[in-house]
Protein backbone atom coordinates (compact mmCIF):
# COMPACT_ATOMS: atom_id res chain seq x y z
CA UNK A 1 26.29 33.16 -12.43
CA UNK A 2 26.70 36.06 -14.83
CA UNK A 3 29.65 37.28 -12.64
CA UNK A 4 31.40 34.05 -13.15
CA UNK A 5 31.56 34.42 -16.70
CA UNK A 6 34.17 37.41 -17.18
CA UNK A 7 36.33 35.64 -14.30
CA UNK A 8 35.96 32.44 -16.32
CA UNK A 9 37.44 34.12 -19.34
CA UNK A 10 40.05 35.85 -17.78
CA UNK A 11 41.22 32.71 -15.76
CA UNK A 12 41.11 30.89 -19.05
CA UNK A 13 43.12 33.73 -20.83
CA UNK A 14 45.72 33.81 -18.34
CA UNK A 15 46.34 29.75 -18.36
CA UNK A 16 46.39 30.08 -22.31
CA UNK A 17 49.05 32.54 -22.22
CA UNK A 18 51.01 30.55 -19.17
CA UNK A 19 50.89 27.62 -21.36
CA UNK A 20 51.58 29.22 -24.62
CA UNK A 21 54.60 30.89 -23.15
CA UNK A 22 56.08 27.05 -22.28
CA UNK A 23 55.83 26.09 -25.62
CA UNK A 24 58.74 25.52 -27.94
CA UNK A 25 59.70 27.87 -30.66
CA UNK A 26 59.96 27.07 -34.38
CA UNK A 27 62.42 27.83 -36.78
CA UNK A 28 61.22 26.84 -40.16
CA UNK A 29 64.00 26.59 -42.90
CA UNK A 30 62.60 26.26 -46.69
CA UNK A 31 65.00 25.84 -49.37
CA UNK A 32 64.09 26.24 -52.96
CA UNK A 33 65.20 23.49 -55.82
CA UNK A 34 67.62 21.75 -53.50
CA UNK A 35 67.59 18.10 -54.53
CA UNK A 36 69.45 15.09 -52.63
CA UNK A 37 73.16 16.29 -53.20
CA UNK A 38 73.75 17.09 -49.62
CA UNK A 39 76.44 15.38 -47.58
CA UNK A 40 74.28 13.53 -45.01
CA UNK A 41 72.20 11.83 -48.01
CA UNK A 42 75.26 11.07 -49.87
CA UNK A 43 73.60 12.19 -53.20
CA UNK A 44 76.92 13.74 -54.92
CA UNK A 45 80.54 13.31 -54.37
CA UNK A 46 81.62 16.82 -54.75
CA UNK A 47 78.90 18.36 -52.42
CA UNK A 48 79.49 20.04 -49.02
CA UNK A 49 76.74 20.61 -46.72
CA UNK A 50 78.64 20.49 -43.25
CA UNK A 51 75.64 22.69 -41.36
CA UNK A 52 72.80 20.52 -42.68
CA UNK A 53 74.73 17.66 -41.84
CA UNK A 54 74.95 18.81 -38.08
CA UNK A 55 71.38 19.54 -38.05
CA UNK A 56 70.71 16.13 -39.15
CA UNK A 57 72.93 14.78 -36.16
CA UNK A 58 70.62 16.77 -33.65
CA UNK A 59 67.48 15.17 -34.82
CA UNK A 60 65.80 12.81 -37.64
CA UNK A 61 67.10 12.91 -41.07
CA UNK A 62 64.10 11.40 -43.30
CA UNK A 63 66.45 9.70 -46.19
CA UNK A 64 63.36 8.93 -47.96
CA UNK A 65 61.44 12.20 -48.29
CA UNK A 66 59.22 13.07 -50.92
CA UNK A 67 57.43 16.67 -51.91
CA UNK A 68 53.85 16.57 -52.80
CA UNK A 69 54.65 18.24 -56.00
CA UNK A 70 57.85 18.55 -58.17
CA UNK A 71 56.99 22.53 -58.91
CA UNK A 72 57.09 25.48 -56.40
CA UNK A 73 53.75 26.82 -55.93
CA UNK A 74 51.93 23.62 -55.55
CA UNK A 75 54.61 21.99 -53.27
CA UNK A 76 54.79 25.07 -50.98
CA UNK A 77 51.04 25.38 -51.02
CA UNK A 78 50.89 21.68 -50.15
CA UNK A 79 53.47 22.41 -46.87
CA UNK A 80 51.51 25.46 -46.00
CA UNK A 81 48.02 24.60 -46.04
CA UNK A 82 48.52 21.02 -45.44
CA UNK A 83 46.39 19.69 -48.52
CA UNK A 84 47.23 17.34 -51.27
CA UNK A 85 47.25 19.14 -54.78
CA UNK A 86 44.75 16.66 -55.60
CA UNK A 87 42.72 18.20 -53.15
CA UNK A 88 43.39 21.96 -53.32
CA UNK A 89 43.36 21.78 -57.31
CA UNK A 90 46.88 24.04 -57.13
CA UNK A 91 48.90 22.01 -59.63
CA UNK A 92 51.04 24.65 -61.33
CA UNK A 93 52.57 27.91 -60.43
CA UNK A 94 49.52 29.56 -60.87
CA UNK A 95 47.17 30.48 -59.22
CA UNK A 96 48.57 31.42 -55.77
CA UNK A 97 46.42 29.72 -53.36
CA UNK A 98 45.25 33.07 -51.42
CA UNK A 99 43.56 34.21 -54.95
CA UNK A 100 41.49 31.28 -54.69
CA UNK A 101 38.11 32.11 -53.08
CA UNK A 102 37.42 28.42 -52.04
CA UNK A 103 40.98 28.25 -50.47
CA UNK A 104 40.35 30.80 -48.01
CA UNK A 105 38.62 28.57 -45.77
CA UNK A 106 41.52 26.98 -44.78
CA UNK A 107 44.11 28.11 -42.16
CA UNK A 108 47.64 28.25 -43.00
CA UNK A 109 50.44 26.93 -40.65
CA UNK A 110 51.98 30.05 -39.61
CA UNK A 111 48.12 31.28 -39.00
CA UNK A 112 47.30 28.38 -37.07
CA UNK A 113 50.38 29.05 -34.87
CA UNK A 114 49.30 32.83 -34.78
CA UNK A 115 45.87 31.67 -33.32
CA UNK A 116 47.50 29.88 -30.54
CA UNK A 117 49.90 32.46 -29.17
CA UNK A 118 52.89 32.46 -31.32
CA UNK A 119 54.43 35.31 -32.86
CA UNK A 120 54.95 34.73 -36.44
CA UNK A 121 57.78 36.37 -38.44
CA UNK A 122 59.36 35.43 -42.23
CA UNK A 123 61.83 36.59 -44.52
CA UNK A 124 62.61 34.99 -48.07
CA UNK A 125 60.55 33.05 -50.27
CA UNK A 126 57.96 30.79 -48.21
CA UNK A 127 55.26 30.66 -50.86
CA UNK A 128 55.83 31.14 -54.84
CA UNK A 129 57.13 34.34 -55.70
CA UNK A 130 57.40 37.08 -53.14
CA UNK A 131 53.58 37.27 -52.11
CA UNK A 132 52.06 36.35 -48.63
CA UNK A 133 48.23 35.57 -47.82
CA UNK A 134 46.96 38.31 -45.33
CA UNK A 135 47.52 37.41 -41.49
CA UNK A 136 50.07 34.67 -42.14
CA UNK A 137 53.23 36.69 -40.31
CA UNK A 138 53.06 39.45 -37.77
CA UNK A 139 56.78 40.54 -39.08
CA UNK A 140 57.65 40.35 -42.48
CA UNK A 141 61.56 40.85 -43.49
CA UNK A 142 63.02 40.94 -46.99
CA UNK A 143 61.09 39.38 -49.83
CA UNK A 144 62.49 37.67 -52.89
CA UNK A 145 62.43 40.01 -55.82
CA UNK A 146 62.32 43.28 -53.72
CA UNK A 147 65.97 44.27 -54.35
CA UNK A 148 69.49 43.26 -54.93
CA UNK A 149 68.76 41.48 -58.26
CA UNK A 150 70.26 44.66 -59.99
CA UNK A 151 73.67 43.04 -58.59
CA UNK A 152 73.54 40.16 -60.38
CA UNK A 153 75.76 40.09 -63.41
CA UNK A 154 74.71 37.88 -66.33
CA UNK A 155 77.46 35.94 -67.49
CA UNK A 156 76.70 33.79 -70.52
CA UNK A 157 76.10 35.12 -73.88
CA UNK A 158 75.29 31.92 -75.44
CA UNK A 159 72.10 30.77 -73.74
CA UNK A 160 69.29 29.73 -76.42
CA UNK A 161 66.99 32.85 -76.49
CA UNK A 162 64.03 30.88 -74.90
CA UNK A 163 66.41 30.31 -71.63
CA UNK A 164 66.76 33.65 -71.06
CA UNK A 165 68.97 35.17 -68.21
CA UNK A 166 67.14 33.14 -65.94
CA UNK A 167 69.09 30.13 -66.69
CA UNK A 168 72.69 31.80 -66.49
CA UNK A 169 74.99 30.40 -63.89
CA UNK A 170 78.60 31.28 -62.81
CA UNK A 171 80.55 33.28 -60.10
CA UNK A 172 79.21 36.60 -58.67
CA UNK A 173 82.00 39.29 -57.68
CA UNK A 174 79.61 41.67 -55.47
CA UNK A 175 79.89 41.84 -51.77
CA UNK A 176 78.60 38.70 -50.07
CA UNK A 177 76.68 40.28 -47.38
CA UNK A 178 74.63 41.98 -50.20
CA UNK A 179 73.70 38.26 -51.62
CA UNK A 180 69.57 37.87 -50.97
CA UNK A 181 70.12 34.98 -49.18
CA UNK A 182 72.52 36.34 -46.81
CA UNK A 183 70.46 39.20 -46.23
CA UNK A 184 67.42 36.96 -45.22
CA UNK A 185 69.64 34.96 -42.98
CA UNK A 186 70.82 38.04 -41.32
CA UNK A 187 67.38 39.56 -40.72
CA UNK A 188 66.22 36.16 -39.07
CA UNK A 189 69.26 36.29 -36.88
CA UNK A 190 68.34 39.84 -35.71
CA UNK A 191 64.80 38.28 -34.94
CA UNK A 192 66.39 35.48 -32.83
CA UNK A 193 68.49 37.97 -30.79
CA UNK A 194 65.46 40.18 -30.35
CA UNK A 195 63.15 39.48 -27.28
CA UNK A 196 61.27 42.72 -27.21
CA UNK A 197 59.72 41.97 -30.75
CA UNK A 198 58.14 39.24 -28.80
CA UNK A 199 56.55 41.22 -26.09
CA UNK A 200 52.71 41.77 -25.78
CA UNK A 201 51.38 44.96 -24.48
CA UNK A 202 51.48 43.64 -21.23
CA UNK A 203 54.91 42.82 -21.25
CA UNK A 204 54.42 39.20 -21.87
CA UNK A 205 56.61 36.95 -24.01
CA UNK A 206 55.07 34.99 -26.92
CA UNK A 207 56.84 31.58 -28.38
CA UNK A 208 58.11 32.18 -32.08
CA UNK A 209 57.35 30.64 -35.52
CA UNK A 210 60.05 32.12 -37.53
CA UNK A 211 60.22 31.33 -41.13
CA UNK A 212 63.33 31.58 -43.35
CA UNK A 213 62.89 30.86 -47.08
CA UNK A 214 66.16 30.44 -49.23
CA UNK A 215 66.36 31.05 -52.84
CA UNK A 216 69.53 29.10 -54.04
CA UNK A 217 70.07 26.66 -55.22
CA UNK A 218 66.96 28.07 -57.73
CA UNK A 219 68.28 29.38 -60.95
CA UNK A 220 70.21 31.28 -62.08
CA UNK A 221 72.81 29.68 -60.23
CA UNK A 222 74.88 32.45 -58.86
CA UNK A 223 77.05 32.12 -55.74
CA UNK A 224 80.07 34.30 -54.45
CA UNK A 225 83.46 33.64 -56.42
CA UNK A 226 84.84 32.18 -53.51
CA UNK A 227 83.01 29.31 -53.41
CA UNK A 228 83.61 28.38 -57.05
CA UNK A 229 87.53 28.57 -56.23
CA UNK A 230 86.85 25.81 -53.25
CA UNK A 231 85.47 23.83 -56.34
CA UNK A 232 87.71 23.49 -59.45
CA UNK A 233 85.94 22.55 -62.43
CA UNK A 234 88.33 19.73 -63.34
CA UNK A 235 87.30 17.94 -60.12
CA UNK A 236 83.46 18.32 -60.99
CA UNK A 237 81.45 14.66 -60.99
CA UNK A 238 78.89 14.53 -63.47
CA UNK A 239 75.53 13.15 -62.82
CA UNK A 240 75.62 9.38 -64.52
CA UNK A 241 73.18 9.43 -67.50
CA UNK A 242 72.74 6.40 -69.56
CA UNK A 243 71.99 6.86 -73.36
CA UNK A 244 68.43 5.99 -74.57
CA UNK A 245 67.44 6.02 -70.84
CA UNK A 246 64.15 7.52 -71.95
CA UNK A 247 63.08 4.44 -74.83
CA UNK A 248 61.03 2.31 -72.26
CA UNK A 249 58.93 5.38 -70.94
CA UNK A 250 55.20 5.99 -72.15
CA UNK A 251 54.54 8.75 -74.49
CA UNK A 252 52.69 10.61 -71.82
CA UNK A 253 55.71 10.88 -69.70
CA UNK A 254 57.15 13.51 -72.51
CA UNK A 255 54.05 15.50 -72.41
CA UNK A 256 53.78 15.54 -68.72
CA UNK A 257 57.44 16.68 -67.85
CA UNK A 258 57.47 19.02 -70.82
CA UNK A 259 59.31 22.53 -69.68
CA UNK A 260 60.35 24.83 -72.48
CA UNK A 261 61.91 27.35 -70.48
CA UNK A 262 65.34 25.33 -69.51
CA UNK A 263 68.10 24.60 -72.41
CA UNK A 264 67.90 21.12 -73.59
CA UNK A 265 70.39 18.85 -72.15
CA UNK A 266 72.06 18.58 -75.93
CA UNK A 267 72.68 22.17 -75.42
CA UNK A 268 74.53 21.74 -72.35
CA UNK A 269 76.46 18.97 -73.97
CA UNK A 270 77.42 20.40 -77.08
CA UNK A 271 78.79 23.84 -75.76
CA UNK A 272 80.55 22.01 -72.90
CA UNK A 273 78.62 23.82 -70.50
CA UNK A 274 77.38 20.62 -68.43
CA UNK A 275 80.36 20.70 -65.71
CA UNK A 276 80.13 24.38 -65.27
CA UNK A 277 76.47 24.31 -64.55
CA UNK A 278 76.75 21.29 -62.14
CA UNK A 279 79.63 23.36 -60.51
CA UNK A 280 77.51 26.25 -60.20
CA UNK A 281 74.63 24.38 -58.57
CA UNK A 282 76.79 22.55 -56.21
CA UNK A 283 78.44 25.84 -55.31
CA UNK A 284 74.83 27.39 -54.72
CA UNK A 285 74.23 24.49 -52.25
CA UNK A 286 77.30 25.34 -50.59
CA UNK A 287 76.24 28.95 -50.29
CA UNK A 288 72.86 28.22 -48.82
CA UNK A 289 74.38 25.65 -46.44
CA UNK A 290 76.50 28.44 -45.33
CA UNK A 291 73.49 30.62 -44.27
CA UNK A 292 71.84 27.67 -42.69
CA UNK A 293 74.93 27.49 -40.40
CA UNK A 294 74.96 30.93 -39.52
CA UNK A 295 71.19 30.47 -38.44
CA UNK A 296 71.89 27.55 -36.44
CA UNK A 297 74.95 29.24 -34.83
CA UNK A 298 72.75 32.32 -33.72
CA UNK A 299 70.03 29.92 -32.30
CA UNK A 300 72.86 27.90 -30.38
CA UNK A 301 73.95 31.46 -28.79
CA UNK A 302 70.56 32.63 -28.26
CA UNK A 303 68.30 31.87 -24.76
CA UNK A 304 66.35 29.63 -27.35
CA UNK A 305 68.91 27.12 -28.08
CA UNK A 306 67.16 24.51 -25.88
CA UNK A 307 63.73 25.50 -26.71
CA UNK A 308 63.35 25.33 -30.33
CA UNK A 309 62.10 23.05 -33.01
CA UNK A 310 63.94 22.99 -36.08
CA UNK A 311 62.59 21.92 -39.30
CA UNK A 312 64.46 21.96 -42.78
CA UNK A 313 63.37 20.88 -46.10
CA UNK A 314 63.52 21.49 -49.93
CA UNK A 315 60.34 22.23 -52.02
CA UNK A 316 61.61 19.58 -54.33
CA UNK A 317 64.50 18.28 -56.40
CA UNK A 318 66.24 19.14 -59.60
CA UNK A 319 67.53 17.57 -62.54
CA UNK A 320 70.85 18.27 -63.85
CA UNK A 321 70.84 16.04 -67.06
CA UNK A 322 69.28 12.83 -65.49
CA UNK A 323 66.57 11.66 -67.68
CA UNK A 324 68.10 13.94 -70.53
CA UNK A 325 66.39 16.96 -68.98
CA UNK A 326 67.03 19.69 -66.67
CA UNK A 327 64.77 21.63 -64.24
CA UNK A 328 61.95 19.74 -62.12
CA UNK A 329 58.43 19.19 -63.24
CA UNK A 330 58.78 15.34 -63.30
CA UNK A 331 57.64 12.22 -61.08
CA UNK A 332 61.05 10.84 -61.05
CA UNK A 333 63.24 10.31 -57.77
CA UNK A 334 65.53 13.35 -58.86
CA UNK A 335 62.31 15.75 -58.79
CA UNK A 336 60.59 14.38 -55.79
CA UNK A 337 63.45 13.16 -53.21
CA UNK A 338 64.57 16.31 -50.99
CA UNK A 339 66.41 16.63 -47.62
CA UNK A 340 64.14 16.66 -44.83
CA UNK A 341 65.35 17.12 -41.15
CA UNK A 342 63.32 17.61 -37.91
CA UNK A 343 65.11 18.22 -34.61
CA UNK A 344 63.25 19.08 -31.69
CA UNK A 345 64.04 19.60 -27.73
CA UNK A 346 63.71 15.90 -25.85
CA UNK A 347 63.61 13.93 -28.75
CA UNK A 348 66.56 11.16 -29.81
CA UNK A 349 69.41 12.80 -31.90
CA UNK A 350 71.57 11.45 -34.93
CA UNK A 351 68.57 9.44 -36.37
CA UNK A 352 68.15 8.37 -39.75
CA UNK A 353 64.77 7.10 -40.91
CA UNK A 354 64.04 5.22 -44.44
CA UNK A 355 60.47 5.23 -44.08
CA UNK A 356 58.42 7.10 -46.92
CA UNK A 357 57.95 10.72 -45.48
CA UNK A 358 55.95 13.41 -47.01
CA UNK A 359 56.62 17.21 -46.50
CA UNK A 360 52.99 17.35 -46.17
CA UNK A 361 53.60 15.82 -42.53
CA UNK A 362 55.29 19.13 -41.54
CA UNK A 363 52.00 20.88 -40.57
CA UNK A 364 50.43 18.15 -38.31
CA UNK A 365 54.04 17.28 -36.68
CA UNK A 366 54.67 20.66 -35.85
CA UNK A 367 51.50 20.99 -34.09
CA UNK A 368 52.02 17.98 -32.12
CA UNK A 369 55.45 18.75 -31.23
CA UNK A 370 54.27 22.29 -30.10
CA UNK A 371 51.40 20.73 -28.11
CA UNK A 372 48.74 22.71 -30.32
CA UNK A 373 45.48 21.36 -31.02
CA UNK A 374 44.95 19.35 -34.44
CA UNK A 375 43.67 21.16 -37.86
CA UNK A 376 40.95 18.83 -38.93
CA UNK A 377 41.41 20.00 -42.40
CA UNK A 378 45.11 18.87 -42.66
CA UNK A 379 45.71 15.80 -44.63
CA UNK A 380 49.26 15.10 -43.85
CA UNK A 381 50.17 12.31 -41.05
CA UNK A 382 52.42 13.29 -37.86
CA UNK A 383 56.04 12.01 -38.01
CA UNK A 384 56.13 11.93 -34.12
CA UNK A 385 56.31 8.30 -33.85
CA UNK A 386 59.21 8.13 -36.45
CA UNK A 387 60.85 10.85 -34.13
CA UNK A 388 60.31 9.03 -31.33
CA UNK A 389 61.50 5.84 -32.59
CA UNK A 390 62.59 5.23 -36.29
CA UNK A 391 61.64 1.48 -36.01
CA UNK A 392 58.07 2.19 -35.27
CA UNK A 393 55.18 1.06 -37.19
CA UNK A 394 54.74 2.94 -40.34
CA UNK A 395 52.44 1.72 -42.84
CA UNK A 396 52.17 4.88 -45.06
CA UNK A 397 53.69 5.89 -48.57
CA UNK A 398 54.78 8.97 -50.03
CA UNK A 399 52.47 10.53 -52.76
CA UNK A 400 53.83 13.25 -55.36
CA UNK A 401 51.28 14.74 -57.81
CA UNK A 402 52.17 16.47 -61.07
CA UNK A 403 49.04 18.07 -62.89
CA UNK A 404 45.74 16.67 -62.60
CA UNK A 405 45.73 12.73 -61.95
CA UNK A 406 49.61 12.03 -62.34
CA UNK A 407 51.01 10.61 -59.40
CA UNK A 408 53.88 8.67 -58.29
CA UNK A 409 54.00 6.65 -55.15
CA UNK A 410 57.04 5.86 -53.24
CA UNK A 411 57.57 3.01 -50.70
CA UNK A 412 60.79 1.89 -48.89
CA UNK A 413 61.81 0.11 -51.94
CA UNK A 414 59.71 1.10 -55.04
CA UNK A 415 58.49 3.83 -57.17
CA UNK A 416 55.39 3.65 -58.90
CA UNK A 417 54.16 6.34 -61.62
CA UNK A 418 50.55 6.34 -63.18
CA UNK A 419 49.56 8.96 -65.49
CA UNK A 420 46.19 9.91 -66.25
CA UNK A 421 45.81 8.03 -69.55
CA UNK A 422 46.65 4.75 -67.53
CA UNK A 423 50.21 4.67 -68.39
CA UNK A 424 52.44 3.20 -66.02
CA UNK A 425 56.36 3.03 -64.43
CA UNK A 426 57.57 0.88 -62.04
CA UNK A 427 61.23 0.95 -60.72
CA UNK A 428 62.90 -1.02 -57.95
CA UNK A 429 65.07 1.74 -56.23
CA UNK A 430 67.10 -0.88 -54.59
CA UNK A 431 68.34 -2.76 -57.50
CA UNK A 432 67.85 0.50 -60.00
CA UNK A 433 68.37 3.64 -58.00
CA UNK A 434 68.59 5.72 -60.97
CA UNK A 435 65.70 4.44 -62.64
CA UNK A 436 66.89 3.11 -65.84
CA UNK A 437 64.50 0.04 -66.15
CA UNK A 438 60.76 1.04 -65.99
CA UNK A 439 59.32 -2.52 -65.26
CA UNK A 440 55.99 -1.86 -66.42
CA UNK A 441 57.28 -1.32 -69.96
CA UNK A 442 56.53 -5.02 -70.70
CA UNK A 443 53.83 -7.57 -69.07
CA UNK A 444 54.47 -7.44 -65.34
CA UNK A 445 55.46 -10.43 -63.34
CA UNK A 446 53.05 -11.68 -60.78
CA UNK A 447 55.31 -10.20 -57.93
CA UNK A 448 55.39 -6.96 -59.64
CA UNK A 449 51.83 -6.99 -60.58
CA UNK A 450 51.02 -7.39 -56.52
CA UNK A 451 53.47 -4.45 -55.85
CA UNK A 452 51.56 -2.25 -58.31
CA UNK A 453 48.30 -3.23 -56.69
CA UNK A 454 49.73 -2.62 -53.27
CA UNK A 455 51.06 1.02 -54.57
CA UNK A 456 48.03 1.82 -56.09
CA UNK A 457 46.18 2.05 -53.11
CA UNK A 458 47.68 5.66 -52.07
CA UNK A 459 46.60 6.97 -55.20
CA UNK A 460 43.82 9.67 -54.36
CA UNK A 461 40.36 8.67 -55.14
CA UNK A 462 39.35 12.26 -56.44
CA UNK A 463 41.24 14.59 -58.46
CA UNK A 464 39.95 17.99 -58.28
CA UNK A 465 40.11 19.90 -61.47
CA UNK A 466 42.40 22.87 -61.77
CA UNK A 467 41.92 25.98 -59.68
CA UNK A 468 41.55 29.23 -61.58
CA UNK A 469 41.83 32.85 -60.14
CA UNK A 470 38.81 34.84 -60.22
CA UNK A 471 38.49 36.24 -63.57
CA UNK A 472 41.44 34.31 -64.73
CA UNK A 473 41.88 35.20 -68.37
CA UNK A 474 39.27 37.91 -68.62
CA UNK A 475 39.19 41.50 -68.75
CA UNK A 476 42.24 41.55 -71.53
CA UNK A 477 41.49 44.45 -74.29
CA UNK A 478 41.21 43.03 -77.57
CA UNK A 479 43.57 44.37 -79.96
CA UNK A 480 41.68 46.79 -82.62
CA UNK A 481 42.90 46.14 -86.07
CA UNK A 482 44.38 49.06 -87.80
CA UNK A 483 42.47 50.58 -90.57
């Protein structure tokens, strides 16, 4: 019997390797700060995203997809760890999750793939900032913040002091191949064309999990001058904004959505910079779409074209004047609604699903598509039923969290927001897509009260206290007073 043990181990290992080699690859595309201004979502009349649109035609476009947090770090943590912010306690841009001891017991999405025989590789921005948890990726390409920023030329000298150069916007003149997102796409294309990199010591090949994180349209809104020339400023359409839009909001909405970094909307209007900033944001979207196109072209020309799952998403949306504000940091549609596409071999193409979908679902969906064991820690629900049939039964809602105990729930038709002090907002997104009328500002009708009761069931039962990195706030030397 003892002699059988090593034989069984060898056979098990061989079967595992053979099975792993037959599994589909994954091309994982994350985009930073891209709201729903993409062609296939009809979000803006002046947008142009032919490559994201063609990817949507290859698989399923989730037209009612929402992030789990309207800010980089908690949103990306949610995607990569498969946990809601209310569970992880990661609500803001610090701490990064791998700095929190309690988070180290969880297995990230790429690490789960690596654990089951995949080669993992990444470039660009996947988590907040340029850092990565140990063990996530076998191969690491160019990271955001490492280089190339010295090429960017600041363009506006009239920005408010508190806005700094990060909120600059306009065309850049340097060589396009030196833009960070172009560099990242080039590195990823090299990996798609490199079979040798996926070879084991025994010469066998592993399937790959290739993650690419594009930085634009994150601020500053920089894109090549060529793209600005194709988008004349006189032809730019501004977002529709209603004067007094915030008059029916509870007081806490202002506190929860406060972000002192960007200029106020009044600055863009008074300085006649609104159109220029919108033009720059649209130019950045077009630029990133071109990089997506380069990736798709390379995949199509590679041996992996028919055996690769492609997922594309943005970590959250972005306001450009709507609700009298800029940036994200809100529980309204413009901050939570994102592009989200999954295309997989053997599944229907050119599908559109309007059911509420969460980015939290990426983790379990990819595991199921690739035939990997489920991770019991993951909270998201696999979208495979909707990938197979968009009319499948789907009783689930989409939940977004911004700070402890502030949540938005999205159904097919309604958005319900509840803040930590009990204040509420309710919008009929079918009749009021701009969220101009808060139905909860007055006493709710019997019908609306029933809607609130139903949507409230999706709110988390517990809201973990915000996480702190070890020794956060400690170790700072006190300044001695001069005698």
